[in-house]
C-alpha cells in the first residue's frame, strides 16, 4: 500500500505536484473560512436565543409578582 502511494507521488511531475499542492492549500483555506463563518453565525444565534429566554423569564417573573396569592394558586 505504501509503495503504491509512493509510486503515485513519484509519477507526478513537479508542475502537477505544485498545482495539486496549491489547489489543496486553497481548498483548506476556503473550508476553514467557511467553518469560521459558520461558527460565528452559530455563536450569534445561541446568544440571541439566550437573550430571548432571559426576556421570557423576566416577563413570567413580573407576571407572577404582580398577581395575588389567590390568582397564582389557581
N, C-alpha and C. Protein backbone atom coordinates (compact mmCIF):
# COMPACT_ATOMS: atom_id res chain seq x y z
N UNK A 1 0.83 -1.19 0.00
CA UNK A 1 0.00 0.00 0.00
C UNK A 1 0.87 1.25 0.00
N UNK A 2 1.88 1.25 0.88
CA UNK A 2 2.78 2.40 0.96
C UNK A 2 3.57 2.56 -0.34
N UNK A 3 4.00 1.45 -0.92
CA UNK A 3 4.76 1.51 -2.17
C UNK A 3 3.90 2.10 -3.29
N UNK A 4 2.65 1.73 -3.33
CA UNK A 4 1.74 2.25 -4.35
C UNK A 4 1.58 3.76 -4.21
N UNK A 5 1.42 4.23 -2.96
CA UNK A 5 1.29 5.67 -2.73
C UNK A 5 2.57 6.40 -3.12
N UNK A 6 3.71 5.81 -2.81
CA UNK A 6 5.00 6.43 -3.14
C UNK A 6 5.17 6.50 -4.65
N UNK A 7 4.84 5.43 -5.35
CA UNK A 7 4.97 5.42 -6.81
C UNK A 7 4.05 6.45 -7.45
N UNK A 8 2.85 6.61 -6.90
CA UNK A 8 1.91 7.59 -7.44
C UNK A 8 2.48 8.99 -7.31
N UNK A 9 3.04 9.30 -6.16
CA UNK A 9 3.61 10.63 -5.94
C UNK A 9 4.81 10.85 -6.86
N UNK A 10 5.64 9.83 -7.02
CA UNK A 10 6.82 9.94 -7.87
C UNK A 10 6.42 10.17 -9.32
N UNK A 11 5.30 9.58 -9.76
CA UNK A 11 4.87 9.74 -11.13
C UNK A 11 4.37 11.15 -11.45
N UNK A 12 4.07 11.95 -10.42
CA UNK A 12 3.68 13.33 -10.66
C UNK A 12 4.87 14.13 -11.16
N UNK A 13 4.65 14.99 -12.11
CA UNK A 13 5.71 15.93 -12.47
C UNK A 13 5.71 17.05 -11.44
N UNK A 14 6.77 17.84 -11.45
CA UNK A 14 6.87 18.94 -10.48
C UNK A 14 5.72 19.93 -10.66
N UNK A 15 5.35 20.20 -11.91
CA UNK A 15 4.27 21.16 -12.17
C UNK A 15 2.94 20.63 -11.66
N UNK A 16 2.67 19.34 -11.91
CA UNK A 16 1.42 18.74 -11.42
C UNK A 16 1.38 18.74 -9.89
N UNK A 17 2.52 18.43 -9.28
CA UNK A 17 2.59 18.41 -7.82
C UNK A 17 2.37 19.80 -7.26
N UNK A 18 2.95 20.79 -7.92
CA UNK A 18 2.78 22.18 -7.48
C UNK A 18 1.32 22.62 -7.61
N UNK A 19 0.69 22.27 -8.73
CA UNK A 19 -0.72 22.63 -8.93
C UNK A 19 -1.61 21.93 -7.90
N UNK A 20 -1.32 20.66 -7.65
CA UNK A 20 -2.10 19.90 -6.67
C UNK A 20 -1.96 20.52 -5.28
N UNK A 21 -0.73 20.84 -4.90
CA UNK A 21 -0.48 21.44 -3.59
C UNK A 21 -1.18 22.78 -3.47
N UNK A 22 -1.09 23.59 -4.52
CA UNK A 22 -1.74 24.90 -4.50
C UNK A 22 -3.25 24.77 -4.37
N UNK A 23 -3.82 23.85 -5.12
CA UNK A 23 -5.28 23.67 -5.05
C UNK A 23 -5.71 23.13 -3.68
N UNK A 24 -4.90 22.25 -3.11
CA UNK A 24 -5.24 21.72 -1.78
C UNK A 24 -5.16 22.81 -0.72
N UNK A 25 -4.13 23.64 -0.80
CA UNK A 25 -3.99 24.74 0.16
C UNK A 25 -5.17 25.71 0.02
N UNK A 26 -5.53 26.02 -1.22
CA UNK A 26 -6.67 26.91 -1.46
C UNK A 26 -7.96 26.30 -0.90
N UNK A 27 -8.14 25.01 -1.12
CA UNK A 27 -9.33 24.33 -0.61
C UNK A 27 -9.36 24.35 0.91
N UNK A 28 -8.23 24.09 1.54
CA UNK A 28 -8.16 24.09 3.00
C UNK A 28 -8.47 25.47 3.56
N UNK A 29 -7.92 26.52 2.93
CA UNK A 29 -8.18 27.89 3.39
C UNK A 29 -9.67 28.21 3.24
N UNK A 30 -10.25 27.84 2.09
CA UNK A 30 -11.66 28.12 1.84
C UNK A 30 -12.56 27.40 2.84
N UNK A 31 -12.27 26.14 3.08
CA UNK A 31 -13.08 25.36 4.03
C UNK A 31 -12.95 25.91 5.44
N UNK A 32 -11.74 26.28 5.85
CA UNK A 32 -11.56 26.83 7.19
C UNK A 32 -12.27 28.18 7.32
N UNK A 33 -12.30 28.96 6.24
CA UNK A 33 -13.03 30.23 6.24
C UNK A 33 -14.53 29.97 6.43
N UNK A 34 -15.07 28.99 5.70
CA UNK A 34 -16.49 28.66 5.84
C UNK A 34 -16.81 28.15 7.25
N UNK A 35 -15.92 27.35 7.80
CA UNK A 35 -16.14 26.84 9.16
C UNK A 35 -16.14 27.98 10.17
N UNK A 36 -15.21 28.94 10.00
CA UNK A 36 -15.18 30.06 10.94
C UNK A 36 -16.43 30.92 10.81
N UNK A 37 -16.92 31.14 9.58
CA UNK A 37 -18.16 31.89 9.39
C UNK A 37 -19.33 31.16 10.04
N UNK A 38 -19.38 29.86 9.86
CA UNK A 38 -20.45 29.06 10.48
C UNK A 38 -20.39 29.11 11.99
N UNK A 39 -19.19 29.09 12.55
CA UNK A 39 -19.03 29.16 14.00
C UNK A 39 -19.51 30.51 14.53
N UNK A 40 -19.13 31.59 13.83
CA UNK A 40 -19.56 32.93 14.25
C UNK A 40 -21.08 33.03 14.20
N UNK A 41 -21.68 32.53 13.13
CA UNK A 41 -23.15 32.58 13.00
C UNK A 41 -23.82 31.77 14.10
N UNK A 42 -23.25 30.62 14.42
CA UNK A 42 -23.82 29.76 15.46
C UNK A 42 -23.74 30.43 16.83
N UNK A 43 -22.61 31.08 17.12
CA UNK A 43 -22.45 31.78 18.40
C UNK A 43 -23.47 32.91 18.51
N UNK A 44 -23.66 33.68 17.43
CA UNK A 44 -24.64 34.77 17.45
C UNK A 44 -26.05 34.23 17.66
N UNK A 45 -26.36 33.12 17.00
CA UNK A 45 -27.68 32.51 17.14
C UNK A 45 -27.93 32.06 18.57
N UNK A 46 -26.93 31.45 19.19
CA UNK A 46 -27.07 30.98 20.57
C UNK A 46 -27.22 32.17 21.52
N UNK A 47 -26.45 33.25 21.30
CA UNK A 47 -26.58 34.45 22.14
C UNK A 47 -27.98 35.03 22.05
N UNK A 48 -28.51 35.13 20.83
CA UNK A 48 -29.87 35.66 20.65
C UNK A 48 -30.90 34.77 21.33
N UNK A 49 -30.69 33.46 21.25
CA UNK A 49 -31.60 32.52 21.88
C UNK A 49 -31.61 32.71 23.39
N UNK A 50 -30.42 32.87 23.99
CA UNK A 50 -30.34 33.09 25.43
C UNK A 50 -30.98 34.41 25.83
N UNK A 51 -30.81 35.46 24.99
CA UNK A 51 -31.44 36.74 25.29
C UNK A 51 -32.96 36.60 25.29
N UNK A 52 -33.50 35.87 24.31
CA UNK A 52 -34.95 35.66 24.25
C UNK A 52 -35.44 34.87 25.47
N UNK A 53 -34.68 33.87 25.87
CA UNK A 53 -35.05 33.08 27.05
C UNK A 53 -35.05 33.95 28.30
N UNK A 54 -34.04 34.81 28.45
CA UNK A 54 -33.97 35.69 29.61
C UNK A 54 -35.13 36.67 29.63
N UNK A 55 -35.49 37.23 28.46
CA UNK A 55 -36.63 38.15 28.39
C UNK A 55 -37.91 37.43 28.78
N UNK A 56 -38.08 36.20 28.31
CA UNK A 56 -39.27 35.42 28.64
C UNK A 56 -39.33 35.15 30.14
N UNK A 57 -38.20 34.80 30.73
CA UNK A 57 -38.16 34.53 32.17
C UNK A 57 -38.50 35.78 32.97
N UNK A 58 -38.00 36.95 32.53
CA UNK A 58 -38.29 38.20 33.24
C UNK A 58 -39.77 38.52 33.17
N UNK A 59 -40.38 38.34 32.00
CA UNK A 59 -41.80 38.67 31.87
C UNK A 59 -42.65 37.71 32.71
N UNK A 60 -42.28 36.45 32.76
CA UNK A 60 -43.02 35.49 33.60
C UNK A 60 -42.87 35.88 35.08
N UNK A 61 -41.66 36.26 35.48
CA UNK A 61 -41.42 36.65 36.86
C UNK A 61 -42.26 37.87 37.23
N UNK A 62 -42.31 38.86 36.34
CA UNK A 62 -43.10 40.07 36.60
C UNK A 62 -44.57 39.73 36.73
N UNK A 63 -45.07 38.85 35.86
CA UNK A 63 -46.48 38.46 35.92
C UNK A 63 -46.78 37.78 37.25
N UNK A 64 -45.90 36.93 37.68
CA UNK A 64 -46.12 36.22 38.94
C UNK A 64 -46.06 37.19 40.12
N UNK A 65 -45.15 38.15 40.08
CA UNK A 65 -45.02 39.11 41.17
C UNK A 65 -46.22 40.04 41.23
N UNK A 66 -46.83 40.35 40.11
CA UNK A 66 -47.96 41.27 40.08
C UNK A 66 -49.26 40.59 40.49
N UNK A 67 -49.33 39.30 40.40
CA UNK A 67 -50.55 38.57 40.76
C UNK A 67 -50.65 38.39 42.27
N UNK A 68 -51.87 38.28 42.72
CA UNK A 68 -52.06 37.99 44.15
C UNK A 68 -51.84 36.50 44.39
N UNK A 69 -51.76 36.14 45.65
CA UNK A 69 -51.51 34.74 46.00
C UNK A 69 -52.65 33.86 45.52
N UNK A 70 -53.87 34.34 45.63
CA UNK A 70 -55.04 33.55 45.23
C UNK A 70 -55.02 33.26 43.73
N UNK A 71 -54.60 34.24 42.94
CA UNK A 71 -54.56 34.04 41.49
C UNK A 71 -53.45 33.07 41.10
N UNK A 72 -52.35 33.13 41.81
CA UNK A 72 -51.23 32.25 41.48
C UNK A 72 -51.61 30.80 41.80
N UNK A 73 -52.33 30.58 42.90
CA UNK A 73 -52.72 29.22 43.28
C UNK A 73 -53.69 28.61 42.29
N UNK A 74 -54.52 29.42 41.65
CA UNK A 74 -55.46 28.89 40.67
C UNK A 74 -54.68 28.41 39.49
